[in-house]
Amino acid sequence: MLERLTSTCEGEGCDRRLDDDHLMLAMETEHGVRRAYECDCGAVTITVVQNQ
């Protein structure tokens, strides 16, 4: 199920898929990966994937 998750913009009325073209920053630490995406509508979405 988790392999089907996608990042989408949650800007007002937007709901666009956020892919590598929208990736602005990625940071990997010992605890996991943080990614920041900027959508064409101007909204910024942050994702966090924790290492297990």
Protein backbone atom coordinates (compact mmCIF):
# COMPACT_ATOMS: atom_id res chain seq x y z
CA MET A 1 0.00 0.00 0.00
CA LEU A 2 2.74 2.52 0.84
CA GLU A 3 4.36 2.07 -2.57
CA ARG A 4 1.23 3.69 -4.10
CA LEU A 5 1.47 6.92 -2.07
CA THR A 6 2.14 10.09 -4.04
CA SER A 7 2.87 13.66 -3.01
CA THR A 8 0.17 16.08 -4.07
CA CYS A 9 -0.20 19.81 -3.54
CA GLU A 10 -2.68 20.81 -0.88
CA GLY A 11 -2.87 24.43 -2.01
CA GLU A 12 -6.35 25.87 -2.18
CA GLY A 13 -8.12 24.00 -4.98
CA CYS A 14 -4.86 22.77 -6.53
CA ASP A 15 -4.30 19.00 -5.90
CA ARG A 16 -1.49 18.70 -8.50
CA ARG A 17 0.91 15.78 -8.26
CA LEU A 18 4.35 16.81 -6.97
CA ASP A 19 7.18 15.01 -8.72
CA ASP A 20 10.93 15.47 -9.14
CA ASP A 21 10.33 18.51 -11.38
CA HIS A 22 8.84 20.28 -8.32
CA LEU A 23 11.50 19.11 -5.82
CA MET A 24 13.33 22.14 -4.45
CA LEU A 25 15.30 20.68 -1.54
CA ALA A 26 16.11 17.23 -0.15
CA MET A 27 17.91 16.54 3.11
CA GLU A 28 18.90 13.13 4.40
CA THR A 29 19.78 12.53 8.05
CA GLU A 30 20.30 9.41 10.10
CA HIS A 31 16.58 9.57 10.94
CA GLY A 32 15.22 9.81 7.40
CA VAL A 33 14.65 12.04 4.39
CA ARG A 34 12.92 15.43 4.27
CA ARG A 35 11.86 16.88 0.93
CA ALA A 36 10.43 20.28 0.05
CA TYR A 37 8.32 20.68 -3.10
CA GLU A 38 7.12 23.97 -4.59
CA CYS A 39 3.99 23.73 -6.73
CA ASP A 40 3.19 25.92 -9.72
CA CYS A 41 0.44 27.52 -7.60
CA GLY A 42 3.10 28.74 -5.11
CA ALA A 43 2.31 26.35 -2.24
CA VAL A 44 5.16 24.49 -0.54
CA THR A 45 4.75 20.90 0.66
CA ILE A 46 7.19 19.18 3.03
CA THR A 47 7.39 15.37 3.21
CA VAL A 48 9.17 13.31 5.86
CA VAL A 49 10.13 9.66 5.47
CA GLN A 50 11.55 8.14 8.66
CA ASN A 51 14.12 5.36 8.59
CA GLN A 52 13.04 2.21 10.34
